[in-house]
Amino acid sequence: RRVIFASARECPAGISKAEAELLFRIKDATLYEANCPDWSDLFVQG
């Protein structure tokens, strides 16, 4: 969260395509695991 939204603060384009794709990769890798409750918010927000 800190890296992605720090990037959004700095970059005119906001969150980048590469960062959004990273969120999807992590989602797929952890889909059936016991995840931190805040992960769902971060994924959708990002």
ModelCIF file with pLDDT and N, C-alpha, C, O atoms, coordinates in Angstrom:
data_MODEL
#
_entry.id   MODEL 
#
_entity.id                         1 
_entity.type                       polymer 
_entity.pdbx_number_of_molecules   1 
#
_entity_poly.entity_id                      1 
_entity_poly.type                           'polypeptide(L)' 
_entity_poly.nstd_linkage                   no 
_entity_poly.nstd_monomer                   no 
_entity_poly.pdbx_seq_one_letter_code       RRVIFASARECPAGISKAEAELLFRIKDATLYEANCPDWSDLFVQG 
_entity_poly.pdbx_seq_one_letter_code_can   RRVIFASARECPAGISKAEAELLFRIKDATLYEANCPDWSDLFVQG 
_entity_poly.pdbx_strand_id                 A 
#
loop_
_entity_poly_seq.entity_id 
_entity_poly_seq.num 
_entity_poly_seq.mon_id 
_entity_poly_seq.hetero 
1 1  ARG n 
1 2  ARG n 
1 3  VAL n 
1 4  ILE n 
1 5  PHE n 
1 6  ALA n 
1 7  SER n 
1 8  ALA n 
1 9  ARG n 
1 10 GLU n 
1 11 CYS n 
1 12 PRO n 
1 13 ALA n 
1 14 GLY n 
1 15 ILE n 
1 16 SER n 
1 17 LYS n 
1 18 ALA n 
1 19 GLU n 
1 20 ALA n 
1 21 GLU n 
1 22 LEU n 
1 23 LEU n 
1 24 PHE n 
1 25 ARG n 
1 26 ILE n 
1 27 LYS n 
1 28 ASP n 
1 29 ALA n 
1 30 THR n 
1 31 LEU n 
1 32 TYR n 
1 33 GLU n 
1 34 ALA n 
1 35 ASN n 
1 36 CYS n 
1 37 PRO n 
1 38 ASP n 
1 39 TRP n 
1 40 SER n 
1 41 ASP n 
1 42 LEU n 
1 43 PHE n 
1 44 VAL n 
1 45 GLN n 
1 46 GLY n 
#
_struct_asym.id          A 
_struct_asym.entity_id   1 
#
loop_
_ma_qa_metric.id 
_ma_qa_metric.mode 
_ma_qa_metric.name 
_ma_qa_metric.software_group_id 
_ma_qa_metric.type 
1 global pLDDT . pLDDT 
2 local  pLDDT . pLDDT 
#
_ma_qa_metric_global.metric_id      1 
_ma_qa_metric_global.metric_value   86.24 
_ma_qa_metric_global.model_id       1 
_ma_qa_metric_global.ordinal_id     1 
#
loop_
_ma_qa_metric_local.label_asym_id 
_ma_qa_metric_local.label_comp_id 
_ma_qa_metric_local.label_seq_id 
_ma_qa_metric_local.metric_id 
_ma_qa_metric_local.metric_value 
_ma_qa_metric_local.model_id 
_ma_qa_metric_local.ordinal_id 
A ARG 1  2 95.00 1 1  
A ARG 2  2 95.00 1 2  
A VAL 3  2 95.00 1 3  
A ILE 4  2 92.00 1 4  
A PHE 5  2 87.00 1 5  
A ALA 6  2 84.00 1 6  
A SER 7  2 63.00 1 7  
A ALA 8  2 51.00 1 8  
A ARG 9  2 54.00 1 9  
A GLU 10 2 55.00 1 10 
A CYS 11 2 54.00 1 11 
A PRO 12 2 47.00 1 12 
A ALA 13 2 50.00 1 13 
A GLY 14 2 69.00 1 14 
A ILE 15 2 85.00 1 15 
A SER 16 2 88.00 1 16 
A LYS 17 2 91.00 1 17 
A ALA 18 2 93.00 1 18 
A GLU 19 2 94.00 1 19 
A ALA 20 2 95.00 1 20 
A GLU 21 2 96.00 1 21 
A LEU 22 2 97.00 1 22 
A LEU 23 2 97.00 1 23 
A PHE 24 2 97.00 1 24 
A ARG 25 2 96.00 1 25 
A ILE 26 2 97.00 1 26 
A LYS 27 2 96.00 1 27 
A ASP 28 2 94.00 1 28 
A ALA 29 2 93.00 1 29 
A THR 30 2 94.00 1 30 
A LEU 31 2 90.00 1 31 
A TYR 32 2 88.00 1 32 
A GLU 33 2 90.00 1 33 
A ALA 34 2 88.00 1 34 
A ASN 35 2 93.00 1 35 
A CYS 36 2 92.00 1 36 
A PRO 37 2 90.00 1 37 
A ASP 38 2 93.00 1 38 
A TRP 39 2 95.00 1 39 
A SER 40 2 94.00 1 40 
A ASP 41 2 93.00 1 41 
A LEU 42 2 95.00 1 42 
A PHE 43 2 96.00 1 43 
A VAL 44 2 94.00 1 44 
A GLN 45 2 90.00 1 45 
A GLY 46 2 92.00 1 46 
#
loop_
_atom_site.group_PDB 
_atom_site.id 
_atom_site.type_symbol 
_atom_site.label_atom_id 
_atom_site.label_alt_id 
_atom_site.label_comp_id 
_atom_site.label_asym_id 
_atom_site.label_entity_id 
_atom_site.label_seq_id 
_atom_site.pdbx_PDB_ins_code 
_atom_site.Cartn_x 
_atom_site.Cartn_y 
_atom_site.Cartn_z 
_atom_site.occupancy 
_atom_site.B_iso_or_equiv 
_atom_site.pdbx_formal_charge 
_atom_site.auth_seq_id 
_atom_site.auth_comp_id 
_atom_site.auth_asym_id 
_atom_site.auth_atom_id 
_atom_site.pdbx_PDB_model_num 
ATOM 1   N N  . ARG A 1 1  ? 0.829  -1.207  0.000   1.00 95.00 ? 1  ARG A N  1 
ATOM 2   C CA . ARG A 1 1  ? 0.000  0.000   0.000   1.00 95.00 ? 1  ARG A CA 1 
ATOM 3   C C  . ARG A 1 1  ? 0.864  1.259   0.000   1.00 95.00 ? 1  ARG A C  1 
ATOM 4   O O  . ARG A 1 1  ? 0.598  2.208   -0.737  1.00 95.00 ? 1  ARG A O  1 
ATOM 5   N N  . ARG A 1 2  ? 1.887  1.254   0.824   1.00 95.00 ? 2  ARG A N  1 
ATOM 6   C CA . ARG A 1 2  ? 2.735  2.440   0.935   1.00 95.00 ? 2  ARG A CA 1 
ATOM 7   C C  . ARG A 1 2  ? 3.474  2.731   -0.369  1.00 95.00 ? 2  ARG A C  1 
ATOM 8   O O  . ARG A 1 2  ? 3.563  3.885   -0.786  1.00 95.00 ? 2  ARG A O  1 
ATOM 9   N N  . VAL A 1 3  ? 4.003  1.694   -1.012  1.00 95.00 ? 3  VAL A N  1 
ATOM 10  C CA . VAL A 1 3  ? 4.739  1.913   -2.265  1.00 95.00 ? 3  VAL A CA 1 
ATOM 11  C C  . VAL A 1 3  ? 3.791  2.322   -3.381  1.00 95.00 ? 3  VAL A C  1 
ATOM 12  O O  . VAL A 1 3  ? 4.067  3.274   -4.110  1.00 95.00 ? 3  VAL A O  1 
ATOM 13  N N  . ILE A 1 4  ? 2.681  1.615   -3.523  1.00 92.00 ? 4  ILE A N  1 
ATOM 14  C CA . ILE A 1 4  ? 1.773  1.873   -4.642  1.00 92.00 ? 4  ILE A CA 1 
ATOM 15  C C  . ILE A 1 4  ? 1.153  3.260   -4.543  1.00 92.00 ? 4  ILE A C  1 
ATOM 16  O O  . ILE A 1 4  ? 1.095  3.979   -5.541  1.00 92.00 ? 4  ILE A O  1 
ATOM 17  N N  . PHE A 1 5  ? 0.693  3.644   -3.366  1.00 87.00 ? 5  PHE A N  1 
ATOM 18  C CA . PHE A 1 5  ? 0.040  4.939   -3.269  1.00 87.00 ? 5  PHE A CA 1 
ATOM 19  C C  . PHE A 1 5  ? 1.031  6.084   -3.140  1.00 87.00 ? 5  PHE A C  1 
ATOM 20  O O  . PHE A 1 5  ? 0.676  7.231   -3.413  1.00 87.00 ? 5  PHE A O  1 
ATOM 21  N N  . ALA A 1 6  ? 2.268  5.805   -2.730  1.00 84.00 ? 6  ALA A N  1 
ATOM 22  C CA . ALA A 1 6  ? 3.315  6.820   -2.852  1.00 84.00 ? 6  ALA A CA 1 
ATOM 23  C C  . ALA A 1 6  ? 3.601  7.080   -4.319  1.00 84.00 ? 6  ALA A C  1 
ATOM 24  O O  . ALA A 1 6  ? 3.832  8.221   -4.717  1.00 84.00 ? 6  ALA A O  1 
ATOM 25  N N  . SER A 1 7  ? 3.587  6.016   -5.132  1.00 63.00 ? 7  SER A N  1 
ATOM 26  C CA . SER A 1 7  ? 3.780  6.157   -6.577  1.00 63.00 ? 7  SER A CA 1 
ATOM 27  C C  . SER A 1 7  ? 2.651  6.974   -7.184  1.00 63.00 ? 7  SER A C  1 
ATOM 28  O O  . SER A 1 7  ? 2.887  7.822   -8.045  1.00 63.00 ? 7  SER A O  1 
ATOM 29  N N  . ALA A 1 8  ? 1.426  6.722   -6.740  1.00 51.00 ? 8  ALA A N  1 
ATOM 30  C CA . ALA A 1 8  ? 0.275  7.440   -7.284  1.00 51.00 ? 8  ALA A CA 1 
ATOM 31  C C  . ALA A 1 8  ? 0.351  8.924   -6.953  1.00 51.00 ? 8  ALA A C  1 
ATOM 32  O O  . ALA A 1 8  ? -0.079 9.766   -7.742  1.00 51.00 ? 8  ALA A O  1 
ATOM 33  N N  . ARG A 1 9  ? 0.907  9.247   -5.768  1.00 54.00 ? 9  ARG A N  1 
ATOM 34  C CA . ARG A 1 9  ? 1.070  10.640  -5.378  1.00 54.00 ? 9  ARG A CA 1 
ATOM 35  C C  . ARG A 1 9  ? 2.042  11.352  -6.301  1.00 54.00 ? 9  ARG A C  1 
ATOM 36  O O  . ARG A 1 9  ? 1.853  12.521  -6.639  1.00 54.00 ? 9  ARG A O  1 
ATOM 37  N N  . GLU A 1 10 ? 3.084  10.639  -6.705  1.00 55.00 ? 10 GLU A N  1 
ATOM 38  C CA . GLU A 1 10 ? 4.170  11.251  -7.472  1.00 55.00 ? 10 GLU A CA 1 
ATOM 39  C C  . GLU A 1 10 ? 3.893  11.292  -8.967  1.00 55.00 ? 10 GLU A C  1 
ATOM 40  O O  . GLU A 1 10 ? 4.252  12.262  -9.634  1.00 55.00 ? 10 GLU A O  1 
ATOM 41  N N  . CYS A 1 11 ? 3.257  10.247  -9.505  1.00 54.00 ? 11 CYS A N  1 
ATOM 42  C CA . CYS A 1 11 ? 3.172  10.089  -10.956 1.00 54.00 ? 11 CYS A CA 1 
ATOM 43  C C  . CYS A 1 11 ? 1.872  10.656  -11.500 1.00 54.00 ? 11 CYS A C  1 
ATOM 44  O O  . CYS A 1 11 ? 0.807  10.367  -10.954 1.00 54.00 ? 11 CYS A O  1 
ATOM 45  N N  . PRO A 1 12 ? 1.926  11.462  -12.567 1.00 47.00 ? 12 PRO A N  1 
ATOM 46  C CA . PRO A 1 12 ? 0.701  11.961  -13.179 1.00 47.00 ? 12 PRO A CA 1 
ATOM 47  C C  . PRO A 1 12 ? -0.235 10.850  -13.608 1.00 47.00 ? 12 PRO A C  1 
ATOM 48  O O  . PRO A 1 12 ? -1.452 11.038  -13.600 1.00 47.00 ? 12 PRO A O  1 
ATOM 49  N N  . ALA A 1 13 ? 0.298  9.696   -13.982 1.00 50.00 ? 13 ALA A N  1 
ATOM 50  C CA . ALA A 1 13 ? -0.549 8.596   -14.438 1.00 50.00 ? 13 ALA A CA 1 
ATOM 51  C C  . ALA A 1 13 ? -1.114 7.790   -13.281 1.00 50.00 ? 13 ALA A C  1 
ATOM 52  O O  . ALA A 1 13 ? -1.833 6.819   -13.514 1.00 50.00 ? 13 ALA A O  1 
ATOM 53  N N  . GLY A 1 14 ? -0.812 8.163   -12.035 1.00 69.00 ? 14 GLY A N  1 
ATOM 54  C CA . GLY A 1 14 ? -1.344 7.420   -10.903 1.00 69.00 ? 14 GLY A CA 1 
ATOM 55  C C  . GLY A 1 14 ? -0.715 6.045   -10.828 1.00 69.00 ? 14 GLY A C  1 
ATOM 56  O O  . GLY A 1 14 ? 0.455  5.867   -11.169 1.00 69.00 ? 14 GLY A O  1 
ATOM 57  N N  . ILE A 1 15 ? -1.489 5.078   -10.384 1.00 85.00 ? 15 ILE A N  1 
ATOM 58  C CA . ILE A 1 15 ? -1.003 3.709   -10.300 1.00 85.00 ? 15 ILE A CA 1 
ATOM 59  C C  . ILE A 1 15 ? -0.764 3.178   -11.710 1.00 85.00 ? 15 ILE A C  1 
ATOM 60  O O  . ILE A 1 15 ? -1.599 3.347   -12.597 1.00 85.00 ? 15 ILE A O  1 
ATOM 61  N N  . SER A 1 16 ? 0.369  2.542   -11.903 1.00 88.00 ? 16 SER A N  1 
ATOM 62  C CA . SER A 1 16 ? 0.749  2.111   -13.245 1.00 88.00 ? 16 SER A CA 1 
ATOM 63  C C  . SER A 1 16 ? 0.113  0.771   -13.603 1.00 88.00 ? 16 SER A C  1 
ATOM 64  O O  . SER A 1 16 ? -0.377 0.036   -12.746 1.00 88.00 ? 16 SER A O  1 
ATOM 65  N N  . LYS A 1 17 ? 0.141  0.490   -14.881 1.00 91.00 ? 17 LYS A N  1 
ATOM 66  C CA . LYS A 1 17 ? -0.346 -0.801  -15.371 1.00 91.00 ? 17 LYS A CA 1 
ATOM 67  C C  . LYS A 1 17 ? 0.443  -1.943  -14.741 1.00 91.00 ? 17 LYS A C  1 
ATOM 68  O O  . LYS A 1 17 ? -0.139 -2.951  -14.339 1.00 91.00 ? 17 LYS A O  1 
ATOM 69  N N  . ALA A 1 18 ? 1.761  -1.792  -14.652 1.00 93.00 ? 18 ALA A N  1 
ATOM 70  C CA . ALA A 1 18 ? 2.592  -2.844  -14.060 1.00 93.00 ? 18 ALA A CA 1 
ATOM 71  C C  . ALA A 1 18 ? 2.216  -3.090  -12.604 1.00 93.00 ? 18 ALA A C  1 
ATOM 72  O O  . ALA A 1 18 ? 2.184  -4.238  -12.159 1.00 93.00 ? 18 ALA A O  1 
ATOM 73  N N  . GLU A 1 19 ? 1.929  -2.020  -11.853 1.00 94.00 ? 19 GLU A N  1 
ATOM 74  C CA . GLU A 1 19 ? 1.538  -2.177  -10.451 1.00 94.00 ? 19 GLU A CA 1 
ATOM 75  C C  . GLU A 1 19 ? 0.184  -2.850  -10.324 1.00 94.00 ? 19 GLU A C  1 
ATOM 76  O O  . GLU A 1 19 ? -0.009 -3.692  -9.447  1.00 94.00 ? 19 GLU A O  1 
ATOM 77  N N  . ALA A 1 20 ? -0.763 -2.487  -11.193 1.00 95.00 ? 20 ALA A N  1 
ATOM 78  C CA . ALA A 1 20 ? -2.072 -3.132  -11.163 1.00 95.00 ? 20 ALA A CA 1 
ATOM 79  C C  . ALA A 1 20 ? -1.958 -4.612  -11.516 1.00 95.00 ? 20 ALA A C  1 
ATOM 80  O O  . ALA A 1 20 ? -2.637 -5.445  -10.916 1.00 95.00 ? 20 ALA A O  1 
ATOM 81  N N  . GLU A 1 21 ? -1.113 -4.940  -12.474 1.00 96.00 ? 21 GLU A N  1 
ATOM 82  C CA . GLU A 1 21 ? -0.927 -6.346  -12.846 1.00 96.00 ? 21 GLU A CA 1 
ATOM 83  C C  . GLU A 1 21 ? -0.251 -7.125  -11.714 1.00 96.00 ? 21 GLU A C  1 
ATOM 84  O O  . GLU A 1 21 ? -0.541 -8.305  -11.518 1.00 96.00 ? 21 GLU A O  1 
ATOM 85  N N  . LEU A 1 22 ? 0.640  -6.479  -10.976 1.00 97.00 ? 22 LEU A N  1 
ATOM 86  C CA . LEU A 1 22 ? 1.241  -7.125  -9.815  1.00 97.00 ? 22 LEU A CA 1 
ATOM 87  C C  . LEU A 1 22 ? 0.174  -7.474  -8.790  1.00 97.00 ? 22 LEU A C  1 
ATOM 88  O O  . LEU A 1 22 ? 0.217  -8.557  -8.205  1.00 97.00 ? 22 LEU A O  1 
ATOM 89  N N  . LEU A 1 23 ? -0.786 -6.579  -8.560  1.00 97.00 ? 23 LEU A N  1 
ATOM 90  C CA . LEU A 1 23 ? -1.871 -6.870  -7.616  1.00 97.00 ? 23 LEU A CA 1 
ATOM 91  C C  . LEU A 1 23 ? -2.670 -8.095  -8.071  1.00 97.00 ? 23 LEU A C  1 
ATOM 92  O O  . LEU A 1 23 ? -3.044 -8.929  -7.246  1.00 97.00 ? 23 LEU A O  1 
ATOM 93  N N  . PHE A 1 24 ? -2.929 -8.208  -9.356  1.00 97.00 ? 24 PHE A N  1 
ATOM 94  C CA . PHE A 1 24 ? -3.648 -9.376  -9.861  1.00 97.00 ? 24 PHE A CA 1 
ATOM 95  C C  . PHE A 1 24 ? -2.828 -10.651 -9.673  1.00 97.00 ? 24 PHE A C  1 
ATOM 96  O O  . PHE A 1 24 ? -3.379 -11.693 -9.318  1.00 97.00 ? 24 PHE A O  1 
ATOM 97  N N  . ARG A 1 25 ? -1.521 -10.578 -9.909  1.00 96.00 ? 25 ARG A N  1 
ATOM 98  C CA . ARG A 1 25 ? -0.687 -11.772 -9.725  1.00 96.00 ? 25 ARG A CA 1 
ATOM 99  C C  . ARG A 1 25 ? -0.692 -12.236 -8.272  1.00 96.00 ? 25 ARG A C  1 
ATOM 100 O O  . ARG A 1 25 ? -0.790 -13.431 -7.992  1.00 96.00 ? 25 ARG A O  1 
ATOM 101 N N  . ILE A 1 26 ? -0.586 -11.289 -7.363  1.00 97.00 ? 26 ILE A N  1 
ATOM 102 C CA . ILE A 1 26 ? -0.609 -11.659 -5.948  1.00 97.00 ? 26 ILE A CA 1 
ATOM 103 C C  . ILE A 1 26 ? -1.971 -12.220 -5.573  1.00 97.00 ? 26 ILE A C  1 
ATOM 104 O O  . ILE A 1 26 ? -2.058 -13.188 -4.816  1.00 97.00 ? 26 ILE A O  1 
ATOM 105 N N  . LYS A 1 27 ? -3.028 -11.625 -6.092  1.00 96.00 ? 27 LYS A N  1 
ATOM 106 C CA . LYS A 1 27 ? -4.377 -12.154 -5.827  1.00 96.00 ? 27 LYS A CA 1 
ATOM 107 C C  . LYS A 1 27 ? -4.488 -13.609 -6.267  1.00 96.00 ? 27 LYS A C  1 
ATOM 108 O O  . LYS A 1 27 ? -4.983 -14.454 -5.521  1.00 96.00 ? 27 LYS A O  1 
ATOM 109 N N  . ASP A 1 28 ? -4.028 -13.896 -7.479  1.00 94.00 ? 28 ASP A N  1 
ATOM 110 C CA . ASP A 1 28 ? -4.125 -15.267 -7.984  1.00 94.00 ? 28 ASP A CA 1 
ATOM 111 C C  . ASP A 1 28 ? -3.275 -16.225 -7.155  1.00 94.00 ? 28 ASP A C  1 
ATOM 112 O O  . ASP A 1 28 ? -3.660 -17.377 -6.953  1.00 94.00 ? 28 ASP A O  1 
ATOM 113 N N  . ALA A 1 29 ? -2.119 -15.760 -6.673  1.00 93.00 ? 29 ALA A N  1 
ATOM 114 C CA . ALA A 1 29 ? -1.219 -16.627 -5.907  1.00 93.00 ? 29 ALA A CA 1 
ATOM 115 C C  . ALA A 1 29 ? -1.738 -16.916 -4.509  1.00 93.00 ? 29 ALA A C  1 
ATOM 116 O O  . ALA A 1 29 ? -1.357 -17.917 -3.902  1.00 93.00 ? 29 ALA A O  1 
ATOM 117 N N  . THR A 1 30 ? -2.604 -16.051 -3.990  1.00 94.00 ? 30 THR A N  1 
ATOM 118 C CA . THR A 1 30 ? -3.060 -16.187 -2.600  1.00 94.00 ? 30 THR A CA 1 
ATOM 119 C C  . THR A 1 30 ? -4.566 -16.423 -2.485  1.00 94.00 ? 30 THR A C  1 
ATOM 120 O O  . THR A 1 30 ? -5.138 -16.295 -1.403  1.00 94.00 ? 30 THR A O  1 
ATOM 121 N N  . LEU A 1 31 ? -5.195 -16.764 -3.589  1.00 90.00 ? 31 LEU A N  1 
ATOM 122 C CA . LEU A 1 31 ? -6.655 -16.783 -3.656  1.00 90.00 ? 31 LEU A CA 1 
ATOM 123 C C  . LEU A 1 31 ? -7.291 -17.669 -2.602  1.00 90.00 ? 31 LEU A C  1 
ATOM 124 O O  . LEU A 1 31 ? -8.314 -17.302 -2.024  1.00 90.00 ? 31 LEU A O  1 
ATOM 125 N N  . TYR A 1 32 ? -6.716 -18.809 -2.345  1.00 88.00 ? 32 TYR A N  1 
ATOM 126 C CA . TYR A 1 32 ? -7.334 -19.767 -1.420  1.00 88.00 ? 32 TYR A CA 1 
ATOM 127 C C  . TYR A 1 32 ? -6.571 -19.861 -0.105  1.00 88.00 ? 32 TYR A C  1 
ATOM 128 O O  . TYR A 1 32 ? -6.679 -20.855 0.614   1.00 88.00 ? 32 TYR A O  1 
ATOM 129 N N  . GLU A 1 33 ? -5.802 -18.827 0.206   1.00 90.00 ? 33 GLU A N  1 
ATOM 130 C CA . GLU A 1 33 ? -5.026 -18.804 1.437   1.00 90.00 ? 33 GLU A CA 1 
ATOM 131 C C  . GLU A 1 33 ? -5.716 -17.946 2.501   1.00 90.00 ? 33 GLU A C  1 
ATOM 132 O O  . GLU A 1 33 ? -6.676 -17.229 2.219   1.00 90.00 ? 33 GLU A O  1 
ATOM 133 N N  . ALA A 1 34 ? -5.203 -18.038 3.723   1.00 88.00 ? 34 ALA A N  1 
ATOM 134 C CA . ALA A 1 34 ? -5.682 -17.196 4.822   1.00 88.00 ? 34 ALA A CA 1 
ATOM 135 C C  . ALA A 1 34 ? -4.965 -15.856 4.728   1.00 88.00 ? 34 ALA A C  1 
ATOM 136 O O  . ALA A 1 34 ? -3.835 -15.724 5.196   1.00 88.00 ? 34 ALA A O  1 
ATOM 137 N N  . ASN A 1 35 ? -5.613 -14.860 4.127   1.00 93.00 ? 35 ASN A N  1 
ATOM 138 C CA . ASN A 1 35 ? -4.976 -13.578 3.856   1.00 93.00 ? 35 ASN A CA 1 
ATOM 139 C C  . ASN A 1 35 ? -5.315 -12.535 4.913   1.00 93.00 ? 35 ASN A C  1 
ATOM 140 O O  . ASN A 1 35 ? -6.307 -12.656 5.633   1.00 93.00 ? 35 ASN A O  1 
ATOM 141 N N  . CYS A 1 36 ? -4.481 -11.519 4.990   1.00 92.00 ? 36 CYS A N  1 
ATOM 142 C CA . CYS A 1 36 ? -4.763 -10.368 5.834   1.00 92.00 ? 36 CYS A CA 1 
ATOM 143 C C  . CYS A 1 36 ? -6.097 -9.749  5.409   1.00 92.00 ? 36 CYS A C  1 
ATOM 144 O O  . CYS A 1 36 ? -6.337 -9.584  4.213   1.00 92.00 ? 36 CYS A O  1 
ATOM 145 N N  . PRO A 1 37 ? -6.962 -9.405  6.353   1.00 90.00 ? 37 PRO A N  1 
ATOM 146 C CA . PRO A 1 37 ? -8.281 -8.846  5.987   1.00 90.00 ? 37 PRO A CA 1 
ATOM 147 C C  . PRO A 1 37 ? -8.191 -7.580  5.141   1.00 90.00 ? 37 PRO A C  1 
ATOM 148 O O  . PRO A 1 37 ? -9.094 -7.314  4.348   1.00 90.00 ? 37 PRO A O  1 
ATOM 149 N N  . ASP A 1 38 ? -7.123 -6.791  5.289   1.00 93.00 ? 38 ASP A N  1 
ATOM 150 C CA . ASP A 1 38 ? -6.998 -5.546  4.527   1.00 93.00 ? 38 ASP A CA 1 
ATOM 151 C C  . ASP A 1 38 ? -6.588 -5.772  3.074   1.00 93.00 ? 38 ASP A C  1 
ATOM 152 O O  . ASP A 1 38 ? -6.594 -4.832  2.279   1.00 93.00 ? 38 ASP A O  1 
ATOM 153 N N  . TRP A 1 39 ? -6.234 -6.998  2.719   1.00 95.00 ? 39 TRP A N  1 
ATOM 154 C CA . TRP A 1 39 ? -5.786 -7.266  1.356   1.00 95.00 ? 39 TRP A CA 1 
ATOM 155 C C  . TRP A 1 39 ? -6.886 -6.990  0.336   1.00 95.00 ? 39 TRP A C  1 
ATOM 156 O O  . TRP A 1 39 ? -6.607 -6.438  -0.728  1.00 95.00 ? 39 TRP A O  1 
ATOM 157 N N  . SER A 1 40 ? -8.125 -7.360  0.638   1.00 94.00 ? 40 SER A N  1 
ATOM 158 C CA . SER A 1 40 ? -9.207 -7.159  -0.330  1.00 94.00 ? 40 SER A CA 1 
ATOM 159 C C  . SER A 1 40 ? -9.387 -5.678  -0.641  1.00 94.00 ? 40 SER A C  1 
ATOM 160 O O  . SER A 1 40 ? -9.591 -5.315  -1.799  1.00 94.00 ? 40 SER A O  1 
ATOM 161 N N  . ASP A 1 41 ? -9.314 -4.808  0.383   1.00 93.00 ? 41 ASP A N  1 
ATOM 162 C CA . ASP A 1 41 ? -9.421 -3.371  0.149   1.00 93.00 ? 41 ASP A CA 1 
ATOM 163 C C  . ASP A 1 41 ? -8.300 -2.880  -0.760  1.00 93.00 ? 41 ASP A C  1 
ATOM 164 O O  . ASP A 1 41 ? -8.544 -2.131  -1.706  1.00 93.00 ? 41 ASP A O  1 
ATOM 165 N N  . LEU A 1 42 ? -7.077 -3.302  -0.472  1.00 95.00 ? 42 LEU A N  1 
ATOM 166 C CA . LEU A 1 42 ? -5.934 -2.834  -1.258  1.00 95.00 ? 42 LEU A CA 1 
ATOM 167 C C  . LEU A 1 42 ? -6.060 -3.283  -2.703  1.00 95.00 ? 42 LEU A C  1 
ATOM 168 O O  . LEU A 1 42 ? -5.811 -2.492  -3.613  1.00 95.00 ? 42 LEU A O  1 
ATOM 169 N N  . PHE A 1 43 ? -6.441 -4.533  -2.938  1.00 96.00 ? 43 PHE A N  1 
ATOM 170 C CA . PHE A 1 43 ? -6.560 -5.029  -4.304  1.00 96.00 ? 43 PHE A CA 1 
ATOM 171 C C  . PHE A 1 43 ? -7.570 -4.197  -5.098  1.00 96.00 ? 43 PHE A C  1 
ATOM 172 O O  . PHE A 1 43 ? -7.268 -3.738  -6.200  1.00 96.00 ? 43 PHE A O  1 
ATOM 173 N N  . VAL A 1 44 ? -8.752 -4.007  -4.547  1.00 94.00 ? 44 VAL A N  1 
ATOM 174 C CA . VAL A 1 44 ? -9.794 -3.291  -5.284  1.00 94.00 ? 44 VAL A CA 1 
ATOM 175 C C  . VAL A 1 44 ? -9.435 -1.814  -5.435  1.00 94.00 ? 44 VAL A C  1 
ATOM 176 O O  . VAL A 1 44 ? -9.618 -1.242  -6.509  1.00 94.00 ? 44 VAL A O  1 
ATOM 177 N N  . GLN A 1 45 ? -8.930 -1.198  -4.378  1.00 90.00 ? 45 GLN A N  1 
ATOM 178 C CA . GLN A 1 45 ? -8.541 0.209   -4.473  1.00 90.00 ? 45 GLN A CA 1 
ATOM 179 C C  . GLN A 1 45 ? -7.466 0.423   -5.538  1.00 90.00 ? 45 GLN A C  1 
ATOM 180 O O  . GLN A 1 45 ? -7.561 1.341   -6.354  1.00 90.00 ? 45 GLN A O  1 
ATOM 181 N N  . GLY A 1 46 ? -6.447 -0.430  -5.522  1.00 92.00 ? 46 GLY A N  1 
ATOM 182 C CA . GLY A 1 46 ? -5.348 -0.263  -6.460  1.00 92.00 ? 46 GLY A CA 1 
ATOM 183 C C  . GLY A 1 46 ? -5.770 -0.502  -7.897  1.00 92.00 ? 46 GLY A C  1 
ATOM 184 O O  . GLY A 1 46 ? -4.948 -0.397  -8.807  1.00 92.00 ? 46 GLY A O  1 
#
